[in-house]
Amino acid sequence: MLHGVYSAMITPFDKHENLEERAFETILNWTLNKGVDGVFVVSSTGESWALSFEEKIRLFQLAVTLVKKRVSVIAGVGVASTREAIRLAEAAQAAGVDYLCAVPPSFVRPTQEEMLTHYSALAQATSLPLVLYNIPMLAGNVLGTPAVRALAERFPQIVGIKDSSGDLTLLNDLVLQRRADFSVVTGLDTLLLPGLLAGSQGAILGSANVCPELSLEVVRLCTAGRLQEAWAVQNRLTRFWLAMSLGSFPAPVKTAMELIGLPAGIPRRPVAPLDPEQRERLRKELQVMKVLA
């Protein structure tokens, strides 16, 4: 089962928007040293929409080589076409990743039945465990609880869902309806502690690129029953999420990383880096959060 805190890793680019492999290694090692339970490569935070097939496979290979089985590597294989998702999943398995994770097809608006067919085909394409993924703010659609339950009942290799819907009612419903060995993890910083209290198994967060110690501390304090302290740390994580509105996603994440000394680089166009005023506002917010001195 997935459990704990996973980093939804960014993809570093140089000033020409080319993949920066050395920076990826630096960021990955920094992240592992913070004590996360795993990494999600080619995630939404990682600008999966902007990466070529070849770049995605290279990132999977790099992550597997660098991690060396110290933690789990989750590969993002969600694309609009079922055929392309299967091709990507097969290549991810060949690269040696531990899990697949697939966002629902975006741009198109498939029905729940069509998404069942899509995920069924993906589950049967490899022998790897598959994690479902709701992120309606970007994908434009939601895999409902009945569909999630049906998939989990049909396919033991479907082992969990990353829910970034921001809907606590949906998260609660997923937890209540889950198979005993099926993980429900949140993808929103604001819902880490509420999700844990509702019975979720952890989180996959973009903030773990910048301040993984905060989400790890929330989990530790919640597990220890120290809820008042856990809420204080959760409130700092919430400030981080709110600060992400300073620019187009994931430009604020990358800027925050640069501010703490990590080589995140620029986002790929059409997403623009933060301007000096936005950058300064983000700096002040990170200082309030005690992430930056």
C-alpha atoms as a PDB file:
ATOM      1  CA  MET A   1       0.000   0.000   0.000  1.00  0.00           C
ATOM      2  CA  LEU A   2       1.000   3.587  -0.541  1.00  0.00           C
ATOM      3  CA  HIS A   3       1.429   5.394   2.764  1.00  0.00           C
ATOM      4  CA  GLY A   4       3.201   8.468   4.079  1.00  0.00           C
ATOM      5  CA  VAL A   5       4.474  11.458   2.098  1.00  0.00           C
ATOM      6  CA  TYR A   6       5.557  11.384  -1.538  1.00  0.00           C
ATOM      7  CA  SER A   7       7.019  14.244  -3.536  1.00  0.00           C
ATOM      8  CA  ALA A   8       5.319  15.142  -6.815  1.00  0.00           C
ATOM      9  CA  MET A   9       8.618  16.175  -8.328  1.00  0.00           C
ATOM     10  CA  ILE A  10       9.194  19.124 -10.618  1.00  0.00           C
ATOM     11  CA  THR A  11      11.117  18.704 -13.862  1.00  0.00           C
ATOM     12  CA  PRO A  12      14.099  21.073 -14.034  1.00  0.00           C
ATOM     13  CA  PHE A  13      14.828  22.862 -17.296  1.00  0.00           C
ATOM     14  CA  ASP A  14      17.739  25.079 -18.294  1.00  0.00           C
ATOM     15  CA  LYS A  15      17.321  28.577 -19.743  1.00  0.00           C
ATOM     16  CA  HIS A  16      16.595  27.053 -23.162  1.00  0.00           C
ATOM     17  CA  GLU A  17      13.842  24.817 -21.679  1.00  0.00           C
ATOM     18  CA  ASN A  18      15.940  21.676 -22.111  1.00  0.00           C
ATOM     19  CA  LEU A  19      15.831  18.884 -19.540  1.00  0.00           C
ATOM     20  CA  GLU A  20      18.548  19.472 -16.923  1.00  0.00           C
ATOM     21  CA  GLU A  21      19.592  16.025 -15.713  1.00  0.00           C
ATOM     22  CA  ARG A  22      22.217  17.153 -13.211  1.00  0.00           C
ATOM     23  CA  ALA A  23      19.689  19.440 -11.538  1.00  0.00           C
ATOM     24  CA  PHE A  24      17.219  16.554 -11.405  1.00  0.00           C
ATOM     25  CA  GLU A  25      19.817  14.470  -9.584  1.00  0.00           C
ATOM     26  CA  THR A  26      20.511  17.281  -7.112  1.00  0.00           C
ATOM     27  CA  ILE A  27      16.810  17.789  -6.379  1.00  0.00           C
ATOM     28  CA  LEU A  28      16.099  14.073  -6.075  1.00  0.00           C
ATOM     29  CA  ASN A  29      18.961  13.504  -3.631  1.00  0.00           C
ATOM     30  CA  TRP A  30      17.893  16.525  -1.567  1.00  0.00           C
ATOM     31  CA  THR A  31      14.343  15.174  -1.471  1.00  0.00           C
ATOM     32  CA  LEU A  32      15.400  11.688  -0.396  1.00  0.00           C
ATOM     33  CA  ASN A  33      17.598  13.133   2.350  1.00  0.00           C
ATOM     34  CA  LYS A  34      14.506  14.834   3.772  1.00  0.00           C
ATOM     35  CA  GLY A  35      12.972  11.425   4.454  1.00  0.00           C
ATOM     36  CA  VAL A  36      10.054  11.187   2.020  1.00  0.00           C
ATOM     37  CA  ASP A  37       8.453   7.799   1.408  1.00  0.00           C
ATOM     38  CA  GLY A  38       8.630   8.016  -2.374  1.00  0.00           C
ATOM     39  CA  VAL A  39       8.767  10.208  -5.469  1.00  0.00           C
ATOM     40  CA  PHE A  40       6.257  10.760  -8.252  1.00  0.00           C
ATOM     41  CA  VAL A  41       8.067  11.498 -11.521  1.00  0.00           C
ATOM     42  CA  VAL A  42       6.331  13.080 -14.541  1.00  0.00           C
ATOM     43  CA  SER A  43       3.571  14.417 -12.336  1.00  0.00           C
ATOM     44  CA  SER A  44       1.341  17.439 -12.872  1.00  0.00           C
ATOM     45  CA  THR A  45       3.858  19.470 -10.864  1.00  0.00           C
ATOM     46  CA  GLY A  46       6.508  17.971 -13.139  1.00  0.00           C
ATOM     47  CA  GLU A  47       4.885  19.565 -16.205  1.00  0.00           C
ATOM     48  CA  SER A  48       3.944  16.203 -17.669  1.00  0.00           C
ATOM     49  CA  TRP A  49       1.859  17.970 -20.318  1.00  0.00           C
ATOM     50  CA  ALA A  50       5.011  19.650 -21.672  1.00  0.00           C
ATOM     51  CA  LEU A  51       7.254  16.578 -21.856  1.00  0.00           C
ATOM     52  CA  SER A  52       7.880  14.401 -24.882  1.00  0.00           C
ATOM     53  CA  PHE A  53       7.545  10.621 -24.697  1.00  0.00           C
ATOM     54  CA  GLU A  54      11.347  10.296 -24.795  1.00  0.00           C
ATOM     55  CA  GLU A  55      11.832  12.828 -22.003  1.00  0.00           C
ATOM     56  CA  LYS A  56       9.352  11.005 -19.786  1.00  0.00           C
ATOM     57  CA  ILE A  57      11.154   7.703 -20.246  1.00  0.00           C
ATOM     58  CA  ARG A  58      14.495   9.361 -19.539  1.00  0.00           C
ATOM     59  CA  LEU A  59      13.127  10.764 -16.271  1.00  0.00           C
ATOM     60  CA  PHE A  60      11.810   7.332 -15.266  1.00  0.00           C
ATOM     61  CA  GLN A  61      15.219   5.810 -15.986  1.00  0.00           C
ATOM     62  CA  LEU A  62      17.062   8.530 -14.091  1.00  0.00           C
ATOM     63  CA  ALA A  63      14.812   8.239 -11.054  1.00  0.00           C
ATOM     64  CA  VAL A  64      15.165   4.446 -10.880  1.00  0.00           C
ATOM     65  CA  THR A  65      18.945   4.660 -11.263  1.00  0.00           C
ATOM     66  CA  LEU A  66      19.354   7.377  -8.626  1.00  0.00           C
ATOM     67  CA  VAL A  67      16.846   6.101  -6.084  1.00  0.00           C
ATOM     68  CA  LYS A  68      18.327   2.570  -6.054  1.00  0.00           C
ATOM     69  CA  LYS A  69      15.238   1.103  -4.372  1.00  0.00           C
ATOM     70  CA  ARG A  70      15.613   3.325  -1.292  1.00  0.00           C
ATOM     71  CA  VAL A  71      12.021   4.497  -1.756  1.00  0.00           C
ATOM     72  CA  SER A  72       9.240   3.873  -4.257  1.00  0.00           C
ATOM     73  CA  VAL A  73       9.292   5.508  -7.696  1.00  0.00           C
ATOM     74  CA  ILE A  74       5.864   6.323  -9.127  1.00  0.00           C
ATOM     75  CA  ALA A  75       5.743   7.013 -12.872  1.00  0.00           C
ATOM     76  CA  GLY A  76       3.142   9.343 -14.326  1.00  0.00           C
ATOM     77  CA  VAL A  77       1.643   7.721 -17.420  1.00  0.00           C
ATOM     78  CA  GLY A  78      -1.599   9.658 -17.728  1.00  0.00           C
ATOM     79  CA  VAL A  79      -2.296  11.018 -21.215  1.00  0.00           C
ATOM     80  CA  ALA A  80      -5.451  11.596 -23.230  1.00  0.00           C
ATOM     81  CA  SER A  81      -5.118   8.550 -25.472  1.00  0.00           C
ATOM     82  CA  THR A  82      -5.512   5.046 -24.036  1.00  0.00           C
ATOM     83  CA  ARG A  83      -3.151   3.697 -26.673  1.00  0.00           C
ATOM     84  CA  GLU A  84      -0.432   6.214 -25.763  1.00  0.00           C
ATOM     85  CA  ALA A  85      -0.951   5.636 -22.030  1.00  0.00           C
ATOM     86  CA  ILE A  86      -0.382   1.900 -22.547  1.00  0.00           C
ATOM     87  CA  ARG A  87       2.760   2.588 -24.578  1.00  0.00           C
ATOM     88  CA  LEU A  88       4.053   4.839 -21.823  1.00  0.00           C
ATOM     89  CA  ALA A  89       3.168   2.315 -19.111  1.00  0.00           C
ATOM     90  CA  GLU A  90       5.047  -0.454 -20.906  1.00  0.00           C
ATOM     91  CA  ALA A  91       8.116   1.762 -21.217  1.00  0.00           C
ATOM     92  CA  ALA A  92       7.872   2.762 -17.547  1.00  0.00           C
ATOM     93  CA  GLN A  93       7.826  -0.892 -16.521  1.00  0.00           C
ATOM     94  CA  ALA A  94      10.886  -1.532 -18.675  1.00  0.00           C
ATOM     95  CA  ALA A  95      12.619   1.374 -16.895  1.00  0.00           C
ATOM     96  CA  GLY A  96      12.080  -0.370 -13.559  1.00  0.00           C
ATOM     97  CA  VAL A  97       9.617   1.897 -11.739  1.00  0.00           C
ATOM     98  CA  ASP A  98       7.582   0.615  -8.792  1.00  0.00           C
ATOM     99  CA  TYR A  99       4.131   2.093  -9.525  1.00  0.00           C
ATOM    100  CA  LEU A 100       2.205   3.661 -12.362  1.00  0.00           C
ATOM    101  CA  CYS A 101      -0.102   6.626 -11.810  1.00  0.00           C
ATOM    102  CA  ALA A 102      -2.534   7.878 -14.430  1.00  0.00           C
ATOM    103  CA  VAL A 103      -4.617  11.022 -14.507  1.00  0.00           C
ATOM    104  CA  PRO A 104      -7.932  10.679 -16.394  1.00  0.00           C
ATOM    105  CA  PRO A 105      -7.843  11.603 -20.084  1.00  0.00           C
ATOM    106  CA  SER A 106      -7.930  15.394 -20.400  1.00  0.00           C
ATOM    107  CA  PHE A 107      -9.251  17.718 -23.127  1.00  0.00           C
ATOM    108  CA  VAL A 108     -11.811  15.068 -24.076  1.00  0.00           C
ATOM    109  CA  ARG A 109     -14.713  14.488 -21.686  1.00  0.00           C
ATOM    110  CA  PRO A 110     -15.116  10.696 -21.367  1.00  0.00           C
ATOM    111  CA  THR A 111     -18.077   9.198 -19.546  1.00  0.00           C
ATOM    112  CA  GLN A 112     -17.544   7.133 -16.398  1.00  0.00           C
ATOM    113  CA  GLU A 113     -17.983   3.977 -18.494  1.00  0.00           C
ATOM    114  CA  GLU A 114     -15.380   5.172 -20.993  1.00  0.00           C
ATOM    115  CA  MET A 115     -12.966   5.906 -18.141  1.00  0.00           C
ATOM    116  CA  LEU A 116     -13.609   2.406 -16.761  1.00  0.00           C
ATOM    117  CA  THR A 117     -12.610   1.000 -20.140  1.00  0.00           C
ATOM    118  CA  HIS A 118      -9.548   3.254 -20.273  1.00  0.00           C
ATOM    119  CA  TYR A 119      -8.264   2.262 -16.834  1.00  0.00           C
ATOM    120  CA  SER A 120      -9.121  -1.407 -17.368  1.00  0.00           C
ATOM    121  CA  ALA A 121      -6.918  -1.481 -20.453  1.00  0.00           C
ATOM    122  CA  LEU A 122      -4.131   0.298 -18.602  1.00  0.00           C
ATOM    123  CA  ALA A 123      -4.338  -2.076 -15.626  1.00  0.00           C
ATOM    124  CA  GLN A 124      -3.937  -5.057 -17.927  1.00  0.00           C
ATOM    125  CA  ALA A 125      -1.068  -3.587 -19.947  1.00  0.00           C
ATOM    126  CA  THR A 126       1.676  -4.302 -17.382  1.00  0.00           C
ATOM    127  CA  SER A 127       2.261  -6.239 -14.170  1.00  0.00           C
ATOM    128  CA  LEU A 128       2.905  -3.052 -12.171  1.00  0.00           C
ATOM    129  CA  PRO A 129       0.560  -1.713  -9.487  1.00  0.00           C
ATOM    130  CA  LEU A 130      -1.538   1.172 -10.795  1.00  0.00           C
ATOM    131  CA  VAL A 131      -2.620   4.275  -8.877  1.00  0.00           C
ATOM    132  CA  LEU A 132      -5.677   6.177 -10.108  1.00  0.00           C
ATOM    133  CA  TYR A 133      -5.587   9.991 -10.050  1.00  0.00           C
ATOM    134  CA  ASN A 134      -8.281  12.656  -9.746  1.00  0.00           C
ATOM    135  CA  ILE A 135      -7.298  16.247 -10.536  1.00  0.00           C
ATOM    136  CA  PRO A 136     -10.404  17.898 -12.050  1.00  0.00           C
ATOM    137  CA  MET A 137      -8.898  21.400 -11.915  1.00  0.00           C
ATOM    138  CA  LEU A 138      -6.549  20.278 -14.703  1.00  0.00           C
ATOM    139  CA  ALA A 139      -8.097  17.143 -16.236  1.00  0.00           C
ATOM    140  CA  GLY A 140     -11.605  18.582 -16.321  1.00  0.00           C
ATOM    141  CA  ASN A 141     -13.314  15.395 -15.160  1.00  0.00           C
ATOM    142  CA  VAL A 142     -13.583  13.214 -12.055  1.00  0.00           C
ATOM    143  CA  LEU A 143     -13.409   9.472 -11.620  1.00  0.00           C
ATOM    144  CA  GLY A 144     -16.353   8.923  -9.285  1.00  0.00           C
ATOM    145  CA  THR A 145     -16.393   6.616  -6.268  1.00  0.00           C
ATOM    146  CA  PRO A 146     -18.537   3.918  -7.989  1.00  0.00           C
ATOM    147  CA  ALA A 147     -16.040   3.744 -10.860  1.00  0.00           C
ATOM    148  CA  VAL A 148     -13.081   3.653  -8.467  1.00  0.00           C
ATOM    149  CA  ARG A 149     -14.711   0.860  -6.467  1.00  0.00           C
ATOM    150  CA  ALA A 150     -15.551  -1.112  -9.616  1.00  0.00           C
ATOM    151  CA  LEU A 151     -11.964  -0.865 -10.867  1.00  0.00           C
ATOM    152  CA  ALA A 152     -10.543  -1.892  -7.494  1.00  0.00           C
ATOM    153  CA  GLU A 153     -12.863  -4.909  -7.371  1.00  0.00           C
ATOM    154  CA  ARG A 154     -11.952  -6.031 -10.885  1.00  0.00           C
ATOM    155  CA  PHE A 155      -8.213  -5.487 -10.695  1.00  0.00           C
ATOM    156  CA  PRO A 156      -6.137  -6.266  -7.576  1.00  0.00           C
ATOM    157  CA  GLN A 157      -3.226  -4.452  -9.239  1.00  0.00           C
ATOM    158  CA  ILE A 158      -5.129  -1.157  -8.925  1.00  0.00           C
ATOM    159  CA  VAL A 159      -3.809  -0.284  -5.488  1.00  0.00           C
ATOM    160  CA  GLY A 160      -4.901   3.270  -4.740  1.00  0.00           C
ATOM    161  CA  ILE A 161      -5.935   6.723  -5.822  1.00  0.00           C
ATOM    162  CA  LYS A 162      -4.339  10.130  -5.565  1.00  0.00           C
ATOM    163  CA  ASP A 163      -7.244  12.501  -5.021  1.00  0.00           C
ATOM    164  CA  SER A 164      -6.496  16.127  -5.876  1.00  0.00           C
ATOM    165  CA  SER A 165     -10.136  17.094  -6.263  1.00  0.00           C
ATOM    166  CA  GLY A 166     -10.078  19.334  -3.196  1.00  0.00           C
ATOM    167  CA  ASP A 167     -13.443  17.816  -2.301  1.00  0.00           C
ATOM    168  CA  LEU A 168     -13.295  16.500   1.264  1.00  0.00           C
ATOM    169  CA  THR A 169     -16.659  14.803   0.835  1.00  0.00           C
ATOM    170  CA  LEU A 170     -15.313  12.829  -2.136  1.00  0.00           C
ATOM    171  CA  LEU A 171     -12.152  11.994  -0.194  1.00  0.00           C
ATOM    172  CA  ASN A 172     -14.276  10.725   2.713  1.00  0.00           C
ATOM    173  CA  ASP A 173     -16.409   8.665   0.345  1.00  0.00           C
ATOM    174  CA  LEU A 174     -13.329   7.121  -1.290  1.00  0.00           C
ATOM    175  CA  VAL A 175     -11.981   6.182   2.148  1.00  0.00           C
ATOM    176  CA  LEU A 176     -15.295   4.685   3.248  1.00  0.00           C
ATOM    177  CA  GLN A 177     -15.725   2.659   0.050  1.00  0.00           C
ATOM    178  CA  ARG A 178     -12.129   1.525  -0.364  1.00  0.00           C
ATOM    179  CA  ARG A 179     -10.902  -2.046  -0.537  1.00  0.00           C
ATOM    180  CA  ALA A 180      -8.984  -3.006   2.627  1.00  0.00           C
ATOM    181  CA  ASP A 181      -5.608  -2.912   0.851  1.00  0.00           C
ATOM    182  CA  PHE A 182      -6.453   0.118  -1.339  1.00  0.00           C
ATOM    183  CA  SER A 183      -4.751   3.416  -0.501  1.00  0.00           C
ATOM    184  CA  VAL A 184      -6.409   6.817  -0.659  1.00  0.00           C
ATOM    185  CA  VAL A 185      -3.883   9.660  -0.637  1.00  0.00           C
ATOM    186  CA  THR A 186      -4.565  13.348  -1.036  1.00  0.00           C
ATOM    187  CA  GLY A 187      -2.848  15.566  -3.569  1.00  0.00           C
ATOM    188  CA  LEU A 188      -3.709  18.899  -1.961  1.00  0.00           C
ATOM    189  CA  ASP A 189      -1.639  20.466   0.810  1.00  0.00           C
ATOM    190  CA  THR A 190      -4.732  21.960   2.422  1.00  0.00           C
ATOM    191  CA  LEU A 191      -6.272  18.531   2.959  1.00  0.00           C
ATOM    192  CA  LEU A 192      -3.310  16.589   4.348  1.00  0.00           C
ATOM    193  CA  LEU A 193      -4.433  16.602   7.991  1.00  0.00           C
ATOM    194  CA  PRO A 194      -8.187  16.507   7.238  1.00  0.00           C
ATOM    195  CA  GLY A 195      -7.508  13.564   4.942  1.00  0.00           C
ATOM    196  CA  LEU A 196      -5.496  11.714   7.579  1.00  0.00           C
ATOM    197  CA  LEU A 197      -8.268  12.279  10.114  1.00  0.00           C
ATOM    198  CA  ALA A 198     -10.755  10.928   7.582  1.00  0.00           C
ATOM    199  CA  GLY A 199      -8.672   7.760   7.206  1.00  0.00           C
ATOM    200  CA  SER A 200      -6.413   8.465   4.226  1.00  0.00           C
ATOM    201  CA  GLN A 201      -2.991   6.829   4.051  1.00  0.00           C
ATOM    202  CA  GLY A 202      -0.945   9.925   3.225  1.00  0.00           C
ATOM    203  CA  ALA A 203      -0.285  12.396   0.441  1.00  0.00           C
ATOM    204  CA  ILE A 204       1.558  13.064  -2.820  1.00  0.00           C
ATOM    205  CA  LEU A 205       2.368  16.769  -2.732  1.00  0.00           C
ATOM    206  CA  GLY A 206       4.056  19.403  -4.852  1.00  0.00           C
ATOM    207  CA  SER A 207       5.053  21.246  -1.677  1.00  0.00           C
ATOM    208  CA  ALA A 208       7.428  18.362  -0.910  1.00  0.00           C
ATOM    209  CA  ASN A 209       9.727  19.922  -3.534  1.00  0.00           C
ATOM    210  CA  VAL A 210      10.178  22.850  -1.159  1.00  0.00           C
ATOM    211  CA  CYS A 211       9.227  21.907   2.400  1.00  0.00           C
ATOM    212  CA  PRO A 212       8.720  18.129   2.756  1.00  0.00           C
ATOM    213  CA  GLU A 213       9.528  18.446   6.447  1.00  0.00           C
ATOM    214  CA  LEU A 214       6.173  20.155   7.006  1.00  0.00           C
ATOM    215  CA  SER A 215       4.035  17.363   5.565  1.00  0.00           C
ATOM    216  CA  LEU A 216       6.200  14.736   7.247  1.00  0.00           C
ATOM    217  CA  GLU A 217       5.704  16.554  10.550  1.00  0.00           C
ATOM    218  CA  VAL A 218       1.927  16.690  10.063  1.00  0.00           C
ATOM    219  CA  VAL A 219       1.865  12.916   9.564  1.00  0.00           C
ATOM    220  CA  ARG A 220       4.105  12.326  12.584  1.00  0.00           C
ATOM    221  CA  LEU A 221       2.084  14.562  14.894  1.00  0.00           C
ATOM    222  CA  CYS A 222      -1.233  13.173  13.704  1.00  0.00           C
ATOM    223  CA  THR A 223      -0.040   9.608  14.217  1.00  0.00           C
ATOM    224  CA  ALA A 224       1.037  10.557  17.748  1.00  0.00           C
ATOM    225  CA  GLY A 225      -2.369  12.088  18.468  1.00  0.00           C
ATOM    226  CA  ARG A 226      -0.895  15.569  18.930  1.00  0.00           C
ATOM    227  CA  LEU A 227      -3.583  17.246  16.876  1.00  0.00           C
ATOM    228  CA  GLN A 228      -3.233  20.822  18.083  1.00  0.00           C
ATOM    229  CA  GLU A 229       0.417  20.806  17.051  1.00  0.00           C
ATOM    230  CA  ALA A 230      -0.462  19.043  13.813  1.00  0.00           C
ATOM    231  CA  TRP A 231      -2.979  21.769  12.935  1.00  0.00           C
ATOM    232  CA  ALA A 232      -0.336  24.456  13.506  1.00  0.00           C
ATOM    233  CA  VAL A 233       1.939  22.806  10.949  1.00  0.00           C
ATOM    234  CA  GLN A 234      -1.001  22.131   8.615  1.00  0.00           C
ATOM    235  CA  ASN A 235      -1.750  25.860   8.628  1.00  0.00           C
ATOM    236  CA  ARG A 236       1.771  26.547   7.370  1.00  0.00           C
ATOM    237  CA  LEU A 237       1.217  24.049   4.543  1.00  0.00           C
ATOM    238  CA  THR A 238      -2.075  25.764   3.724  1.00  0.00           C
ATOM    239  CA  ARG A 239      -0.227  29.072   3.352  1.00  0.00           C
ATOM    240  CA  PHE A 240       2.052  27.403   0.819  1.00  0.00           C
ATOM    241  CA  TRP A 241      -0.905  26.229  -1.262  1.00  0.00           C
ATOM    242  CA  LEU A 242      -2.473  29.684  -1.201  1.00  0.00           C
ATOM    243  CA  ALA A 243       0.823  31.222  -2.317  1.00  0.00           C
ATOM    244  CA  MET A 244       0.726  29.036  -5.424  1.00  0.00           C
ATOM    245  CA  SER A 245      -1.869  31.431  -6.850  1.00  0.00           C
ATOM    246  CA  LEU A 246       0.897  34.004  -7.381  1.00  0.00           C
ATOM    247  CA  GLY A 247       1.576  32.603 -10.855  1.00  0.00           C
ATOM    248  CA  SER A 248       0.655  29.881 -13.309  1.00  0.00           C
ATOM    249  CA  PHE A 249       1.244  26.365 -12.013  1.00  0.00           C
ATOM    250  CA  PRO A 250       3.961  25.225 -11.387  1.00  0.00           C
ATOM    251  CA  ALA A 251       5.971  28.456 -11.730  1.00  0.00           C
ATOM    252  CA  PRO A 252       5.536  29.374  -8.026  1.00  0.00           C
ATOM    253  CA  VAL A 253       6.818  25.937  -6.963  1.00  0.00           C
ATOM    254  CA  LYS A 254       9.927  26.344  -9.102  1.00  0.00           C
ATOM    255  CA  THR A 255      10.523  29.869  -7.849  1.00  0.00           C
ATOM    256  CA  ALA A 256      10.147  28.725  -4.240  1.00  0.00           C
ATOM    257  CA  MET A 257      12.747  26.042  -4.900  1.00  0.00           C
ATOM    258  CA  GLU A 258      15.139  28.571  -6.399  1.00  0.00           C
ATOM    259  CA  LEU A 259      14.650  30.787  -3.347  1.00  0.00           C
ATOM    260  CA  ILE A 260      15.752  27.997  -1.020  1.00  0.00           C
ATOM    261  CA  GLY A 261      18.723  27.183  -3.229  1.00  0.00           C
ATOM    262  CA  LEU A 262      17.550  24.315  -5.444  1.00  0.00           C
ATOM    263  CA  PRO A 263      18.192  24.375  -9.239  1.00  0.00           C
ATOM    264  CA  ALA A 264      14.584  24.124 -10.432  1.00  0.00           C
ATOM    265  CA  GLY A 265      15.029  26.284 -13.509  1.00  0.00           C
ATOM    266  CA  ILE A 266      12.243  27.886 -15.505  1.00  0.00           C
ATOM    267  CA  PRO A 267       8.863  26.427 -16.504  1.00  0.00           C
ATOM    268  CA  ARG A 268       8.173  25.533 -20.116  1.00  0.00           C
ATOM    269  CA  ARG A 269       6.157  27.985 -22.166  1.00  0.00           C
ATOM    270  CA  PRO A 270       3.451  29.095 -22.243  1.00  0.00           C
ATOM    271  CA  VAL A 271       3.897  29.151 -18.444  1.00  0.00           C
ATOM    272  CA  ALA A 272       5.999  32.166 -17.494  1.00  0.00           C
ATOM    273  CA  PRO A 273       8.379  32.541 -14.534  1.00  0.00           C
ATOM    274  CA  LEU A 274       7.231  34.807 -11.717  1.00  0.00           C
ATOM    275  CA  ASP A 275       7.971  38.492 -12.200  1.00  0.00           C
ATOM    276  CA  PRO A 276      10.066  40.359  -9.573  1.00  0.00           C
ATOM    277  CA  GLU A 277       6.998  41.551  -7.633  1.00  0.00           C
ATOM    278  CA  GLN A 278       5.478  38.046  -7.499  1.00  0.00           C
ATOM    279  CA  ARG A 279       8.852  36.613  -6.536  1.00  0.00           C
ATOM    280  CA  GLU A 280       9.185  39.040  -3.633  1.00  0.00           C
ATOM    281  CA  ARG A 281       5.676  38.277  -2.386  1.00  0.00           C
ATOM    282  CA  LEU A 282       6.491  34.576  -2.479  1.00  0.00           C
ATOM    283  CA  ARG A 283       9.747  35.180  -0.602  1.00  0.00           C
ATOM    284  CA  LYS A 284       7.866  36.948   2.180  1.00  0.00           C
ATOM    285  CA  GLU A 285       5.305  34.155   2.380  1.00  0.00           C
ATOM    286  CA  LEU A 286       8.040  31.522   2.691  1.00  0.00           C
ATOM    287  CA  GLN A 287       9.560  33.577   5.482  1.00  0.00           C
ATOM    288  CA  VAL A 288       6.244  33.686   7.333  1.00  0.00           C
ATOM    289  CA  MET A 289       6.023  29.910   6.889  1.00  0.00           C
ATOM    290  CA  LYS A 290       9.568  29.634   8.358  1.00  0.00           C
ATOM    291  CA  VAL A 291      10.712  27.793   5.261  1.00  0.00           C
ATOM    292  CA  LEU A 292      13.082  30.611   4.345  1.00  0.00           C
ATOM    293  CA  ALA A 293      15.135  32.713   6.771  1.00  0.00           C
END
